[in-house]
Amino acid sequence: MIKTYKDLDVYKESYSLALQIHQMTRTFPDFERYEIGGQLRRAAMSMPMNIAEGYGKKDSSVDFKRFLRMSLGSGNEVQVLIDMSKDLGYITQETHKKTTERYDVLGKRISTLIEKWK
């Protein structure tokens, strides 16, 4: 039973991924921790934050779904920045692959939640 946004699997996964991204960006070169790293952290944190904020407006299905869509947009932004981080040599191919796969699955789960939420 869902009593709070913390009970939503998409929230739990997006929060976990945001923590992973935060840790990952700590290994970036100094000048990139504040550029790509900062943007990556903000986009990753935006996902669980939008889910939480939208859930607070769950009495309006339209509002909650709008926040879920914003969360999806932030996930897309993270994926672009993950690609860029790999191509610039800041993360390994393996880290890129695992992280991208998790964001792909999360995006599908959020899309399903949008479709099914009443």
Protein backbone atom coordinates (compact mmCIF):
# COMPACT_ATOMS: atom_id res chain seq x y z
CA MET A 1 0.00 0.00 0.00
CA ILE A 2 1.28 3.43 -0.94
CA LYS A 3 1.08 5.91 1.94
CA THR A 4 3.78 8.33 0.90
CA TYR A 5 5.98 9.09 -2.10
CA LYS A 6 8.72 7.08 -0.37
CA ASP A 7 6.63 3.95 -1.01
CA LEU A 8 6.80 4.44 -4.78
CA ASP A 9 9.37 2.19 -6.44
CA VAL A 10 10.17 4.89 -9.01
CA TYR A 11 11.01 7.26 -6.17
CA LYS A 12 13.25 4.70 -4.46
CA GLU A 13 15.12 3.91 -7.67
CA SER A 14 15.52 7.55 -8.71
CA TYR A 15 16.82 8.43 -5.23
CA SER A 16 19.29 5.54 -5.34
CA LEU A 17 20.49 6.63 -8.78
CA ALA A 18 20.88 10.24 -7.63
CA LEU A 19 23.15 9.05 -4.81
CA GLN A 20 25.15 6.97 -7.30
CA ILE A 21 25.53 9.94 -9.64
CA HIS A 22 26.66 12.14 -6.76
CA GLN A 23 29.36 9.64 -5.82
CA MET A 24 30.39 9.18 -9.45
CA THR A 25 30.92 12.90 -10.05
CA ARG A 26 33.31 13.10 -7.10
CA THR A 27 35.88 11.36 -9.31
CA PHE A 28 35.61 13.90 -12.14
CA PRO A 29 38.54 16.27 -12.76
CA ASP A 30 38.40 19.36 -10.55
CA PHE A 31 37.25 21.71 -13.29
CA GLU A 32 34.45 19.32 -14.33
CA ARG A 33 33.06 18.72 -10.84
CA TYR A 34 31.42 22.12 -11.11
CA GLU A 35 30.54 22.04 -14.80
CA ILE A 36 29.29 18.69 -16.09
CA GLY A 37 29.37 17.21 -12.59
CA GLY A 38 27.16 19.92 -11.14
CA GLN A 39 24.67 19.73 -13.98
CA LEU A 40 24.60 15.94 -13.71
CA ARG A 41 23.95 16.06 -9.96
CA ARG A 42 21.15 18.62 -10.38
CA ALA A 43 19.44 16.60 -13.12
CA ALA A 44 19.74 13.36 -11.13
CA MET A 45 18.37 14.98 -7.97
CA SER A 46 15.53 16.53 -9.94
CA MET A 47 14.02 13.11 -10.64
CA PRO A 48 13.15 12.06 -7.07
CA MET A 49 12.37 15.67 -6.16
CA ASN A 50 9.77 15.93 -8.94
CA ILE A 51 8.25 12.60 -7.96
CA ALA A 52 7.99 13.73 -4.33
CA GLU A 53 6.57 17.14 -5.21
CA GLY A 54 4.10 15.69 -7.68
CA TYR A 55 2.94 13.07 -5.21
CA GLY A 56 2.06 15.92 -2.85
CA LYS A 57 -0.42 16.99 -5.53
CA LYS A 58 -1.69 13.47 -6.20
CA ASP A 59 -5.28 14.52 -5.62
CA SER A 60 -4.97 15.99 -9.07
CA SER A 61 -3.99 13.21 -11.45
CA VAL A 62 -3.07 15.80 -14.07
CA ASP A 63 -0.62 17.56 -11.74
CA PHE A 64 1.05 14.35 -10.58
CA LYS A 65 1.47 13.14 -14.15
CA ARG A 66 2.96 16.50 -15.12
CA PHE A 67 5.60 16.13 -12.41
CA LEU A 68 6.28 12.56 -13.50
CA ARG A 69 6.87 13.84 -17.05
CA MET A 70 9.29 16.45 -15.70
CA SER A 71 11.08 13.61 -13.91
CA LEU A 72 11.36 11.78 -17.24
CA GLY A 73 12.85 14.89 -18.83
CA SER A 74 15.45 15.09 -16.08
CA GLY A 75 16.26 11.43 -16.68
CA ASN A 76 16.87 12.17 -20.34
CA GLU A 77 19.15 15.03 -19.35
CA VAL A 78 21.10 12.67 -17.07
CA GLN A 79 21.52 10.21 -19.93
CA VAL A 80 22.98 12.87 -22.23
CA LEU A 81 25.41 13.94 -19.53
CA ILE A 82 26.34 10.30 -18.81
CA ASP A 83 27.11 9.84 -22.52
CA MET A 84 29.22 12.99 -22.48
CA SER A 85 31.04 11.86 -19.33
CA LYS A 86 31.92 8.55 -20.97
CA ASP A 87 33.06 10.20 -24.21
CA LEU A 88 35.26 12.62 -22.26
CA GLY A 89 36.81 9.71 -20.36
CA TYR A 90 35.43 10.59 -16.92
CA ILE A 91 33.61 7.28 -16.46
CA THR A 92 34.30 3.79 -17.74
CA GLN A 93 32.34 2.03 -20.44
CA GLU A 94 31.07 -0.39 -17.79
CA THR A 95 29.84 2.38 -15.48
CA HIS A 96 28.19 4.04 -18.47
CA LYS A 97 26.47 0.82 -19.49
CA LYS A 98 25.16 -0.03 -16.01
CA THR A 99 23.97 3.50 -15.29
CA THR A 100 22.32 3.93 -18.68
CA GLU A 101 20.51 0.61 -18.30
CA ARG A 102 19.17 1.62 -14.88
CA TYR A 103 17.94 4.96 -16.23
CA ASP A 104 16.31 3.22 -19.21
CA VAL A 105 14.40 0.87 -16.90
CA LEU A 106 13.45 3.74 -14.59
CA GLY A 107 12.15 5.79 -17.53
CA LYS A 108 9.98 2.89 -18.66
CA ARG A 109 8.62 2.43 -15.15
CA ILE A 110 7.78 6.12 -14.85
CA SER A 111 6.09 6.04 -18.26
CA THR A 112 4.01 3.05 -17.13
CA LEU A 113 3.06 4.87 -13.92
CA ILE A 114 1.95 7.88 -15.98
CA GLU A 115 -0.26 5.67 -18.14
CA LYS A 116 -1.82 3.77 -15.23
CA TRP A 117 -2.21 6.49 -12.58
CA LYS A 118 -5.85 7.47 -12.11
